[in-house]
Amino acid sequence: MISDEQLNEYRLSGEKVRVVRDALESNDVVGIVIAWDDSQVMIRRPNRRVVKLDRSYIIQPFSDNRPNIFG
């Protein structure tokens, strides 16, 4: 799970992040971190919609290469 400090850095910088939910890249959520609690994080997508996601997903900067989850 991602730390509160790392989420706060993403929120303050406004850096675009990628949330990897499964092996399909089309299911990734891309946006900026706006809020979080103990179990969820809220991401604002480019179309201005807000998505609540579990914090156990991989959250990384969008500029980094996407990890290969299943091998």
Protein backbone atom coordinates (compact mmCIF):
# COMPACT_ATOMS: atom_id res chain seq x y z
CA MET A 1 0.00 0.00 0.00
CA ILE A 2 1.26 3.48 -0.85
CA SER A 3 2.23 5.73 2.05
CA ASP A 4 0.43 8.91 3.11
CA GLU A 5 3.66 10.86 2.53
CA GLN A 6 3.93 9.70 -1.09
CA LEU A 7 0.26 10.48 -1.77
CA ASN A 8 0.74 13.93 -0.26
CA GLU A 9 3.76 14.55 -2.53
CA TYR A 10 1.67 13.60 -5.58
CA ARG A 11 -1.18 15.85 -4.42
CA LEU A 12 1.02 18.87 -3.73
CA SER A 13 2.96 18.59 -6.99
CA GLY A 14 -0.13 17.92 -9.12
CA GLU A 15 1.81 15.15 -10.86
CA LYS A 16 -0.23 12.84 -13.08
CA VAL A 17 -0.32 9.29 -11.69
CA ARG A 18 -1.27 5.88 -13.06
CA VAL A 19 -3.30 3.41 -10.97
CA VAL A 20 -2.64 -0.13 -12.20
CA ARG A 21 -5.62 -2.31 -11.32
CA ASP A 22 -4.93 -5.47 -13.34
CA ALA A 23 -2.92 -6.83 -16.28
CA LEU A 24 -4.84 -4.83 -18.91
CA GLU A 25 -3.43 -1.38 -19.58
CA SER A 26 -6.85 -0.21 -20.78
CA ASN A 27 -8.15 -0.63 -17.20
CA ASP A 28 -5.59 1.77 -15.74
CA VAL A 29 -6.84 5.01 -14.21
CA VAL A 30 -4.79 8.11 -15.00
CA GLY A 31 -5.24 11.40 -13.18
CA ILE A 32 -4.16 13.47 -10.19
CA VAL A 33 -4.47 12.60 -6.51
CA ILE A 34 -6.97 14.81 -4.69
CA ALA A 35 -7.72 12.99 -1.40
CA TRP A 36 -7.32 9.72 0.49
CA ASP A 37 -8.16 7.91 3.70
CA ASP A 38 -6.96 4.67 5.29
CA SER A 39 -8.34 2.40 2.57
CA GLN A 40 -9.17 4.50 -0.52
CA VAL A 41 -7.69 7.20 -2.73
CA MET A 42 -9.58 9.68 -4.91
CA ILE A 43 -8.20 10.41 -8.39
CA ARG A 44 -9.45 13.22 -10.66
CA ARG A 45 -9.35 12.00 -14.25
CA PRO A 46 -8.66 14.34 -17.21
CA ASN A 47 -12.41 14.53 -17.96
CA ARG A 48 -12.83 15.98 -14.42
CA ARG A 49 -14.62 12.91 -13.06
CA VAL A 50 -13.50 11.69 -9.67
CA VAL A 51 -12.84 7.98 -9.10
CA LYS A 52 -12.50 6.28 -5.69
CA LEU A 53 -10.01 3.43 -5.77
CA ASP A 54 -8.54 1.03 -3.24
CA ARG A 55 -5.10 2.01 -1.94
CA SER A 56 -3.80 -1.53 -2.42
CA TYR A 57 -3.53 -0.93 -6.20
CA ILE A 58 -0.17 0.08 -7.66
CA ILE A 59 0.02 3.89 -7.82
CA GLN A 60 2.97 5.31 -9.72
CA PRO A 61 3.91 8.44 -11.68
CA PHE A 62 2.43 8.38 -15.18
CA SER A 63 5.86 9.12 -16.65
CA ASP A 64 7.28 5.81 -15.29
CA ASN A 65 7.05 2.65 -17.37
CA ARG A 66 4.00 0.51 -16.59
CA PRO A 67 4.95 -2.54 -14.49
CA ASN A 68 4.30 -6.04 -15.84
CA ILE A 69 2.09 -7.51 -13.10
CA PHE A 70 1.80 -11.12 -14.21
CA GLY A 71 5.23 -12.00 -15.45
